[in-house]
Amino acid sequence: MLKIVLLACILMFFILPLQAENVFIWNYDAKDVFNCTEAGGSISSAYWIEQTLTFNGHTFNTDTLLPTDLSTYDVVFVLTGWYSC
């Protein structure tokens, strides 16, 4: 029984995450940008998420409009911008 549990944990935590996921990034407020010296200029809140997904081999779509059908995506990020008074 312990071997089955360990095998399931290995499968769940190490092998399955290696598959590329189809991701949608809803960048609600794309006009909300800030200066990032590391990126070399002005970037939106989606920039580092896109860089991380690309580095890890995931495909993604970024848009300011939320699609009516999200069933084609495995993961959805909702970016609403920075809170400011």
Protein backbone atom coordinates (compact mmCIF):
# COMPACT_ATOMS: atom_id res chain seq x y z
CA MET A 1 0.00 0.00 0.00
CA LEU A 2 2.82 2.39 0.87
CA LYS A 3 4.45 1.75 -2.51
CA ILE A 4 1.21 2.68 -4.30
CA VAL A 5 0.89 5.91 -2.31
CA LEU A 6 4.52 6.83 -3.01
CA LEU A 7 4.12 6.06 -6.71
CA ALA A 8 0.96 8.20 -6.85
CA CYS A 9 2.78 11.09 -5.12
CA ILE A 10 5.70 10.85 -7.55
CA LEU A 11 3.31 10.84 -10.49
CA MET A 12 1.24 13.74 -9.16
CA PHE A 13 4.04 16.04 -8.02
CA PHE A 14 6.90 15.31 -10.43
CA ILE A 15 5.70 13.86 -13.72
CA LEU A 16 2.35 15.57 -14.35
CA PRO A 17 3.64 19.16 -13.85
CA LEU A 18 6.12 18.56 -16.68
CA GLN A 19 3.29 18.64 -19.22
CA ALA A 20 2.76 21.97 -20.94
CA GLU A 21 -0.50 23.61 -19.94
CA ASN A 22 -2.64 25.94 -22.04
CA VAL A 23 -2.95 29.17 -20.07
CA PHE A 24 -5.09 32.29 -20.49
CA ILE A 25 -3.91 35.56 -18.93
CA TRP A 26 -6.67 38.12 -18.54
CA ASN A 27 -4.77 41.40 -18.29
CA TYR A 28 -7.79 43.52 -17.41
CA ASP A 29 -5.89 46.79 -17.06
CA ALA A 30 -3.16 46.61 -19.72
CA LYS A 31 -2.64 50.38 -19.55
CA ASP A 32 -1.44 50.00 -15.96
CA VAL A 33 2.34 49.81 -16.46
CA PHE A 34 5.29 50.37 -14.19
CA ASN A 35 9.03 50.82 -14.63
CA CYS A 36 11.15 47.71 -14.21
CA THR A 37 14.91 48.18 -14.41
CA GLU A 38 15.48 44.43 -14.70
CA ALA A 39 13.27 44.23 -17.81
CA GLY A 40 14.68 47.47 -19.16
CA GLY A 41 11.62 49.70 -19.31
CA SER A 42 7.90 49.88 -18.72
CA ILE A 43 6.06 46.57 -18.33
CA SER A 44 2.50 45.51 -17.58
CA SER A 45 1.49 43.26 -14.72
CA ALA A 46 1.43 40.28 -17.11
CA TYR A 47 5.10 40.54 -18.09
CA TRP A 48 6.71 38.31 -15.46
CA ILE A 49 3.93 35.74 -15.60
CA GLU A 50 4.44 35.50 -19.37
CA GLN A 51 8.21 35.19 -18.93
CA THR A 52 7.82 32.43 -16.35
CA LEU A 53 5.31 30.49 -18.47
CA THR A 54 7.54 30.76 -21.54
CA PHE A 55 10.60 29.62 -19.57
CA ASN A 56 8.69 26.57 -18.33
CA GLY A 57 7.38 25.63 -21.79
CA HIS A 58 3.71 26.52 -21.36
CA THR A 59 1.58 28.07 -24.09
CA PHE A 60 -0.50 31.10 -23.23
CA ASN A 61 -2.76 33.79 -24.63
CA THR A 62 -2.93 37.25 -23.12
CA ASP A 63 -5.87 39.56 -23.75
CA THR A 64 -7.70 42.47 -22.13
CA LEU A 65 -11.08 40.87 -22.85
CA LEU A 66 -12.26 37.80 -20.99
CA PRO A 67 -13.49 35.10 -23.41
CA THR A 68 -16.98 33.74 -22.90
CA ASP A 69 -15.68 30.17 -23.16
CA LEU A 70 -12.70 29.29 -20.97
CA SER A 71 -13.07 25.53 -21.37
CA THR A 72 -10.10 25.33 -23.75
CA TYR A 73 -7.73 26.57 -21.05
CA ASP A 74 -6.19 24.57 -18.22
CA VAL A 75 -5.26 27.63 -16.14
CA VAL A 76 -6.61 31.21 -16.05
CA PHE A 77 -4.73 34.13 -14.47
CA VAL A 78 -6.83 37.21 -13.65
CA LEU A 79 -4.73 40.37 -13.47
CA THR A 80 -6.69 43.41 -12.38
CA GLY A 81 -3.81 45.90 -12.18
CA TRP A 82 -2.36 47.78 -9.27
CA TYR A 83 -4.51 49.22 -6.53
CA SER A 84 -4.13 52.97 -6.35
CA CYS A 85 -6.06 55.63 -4.48
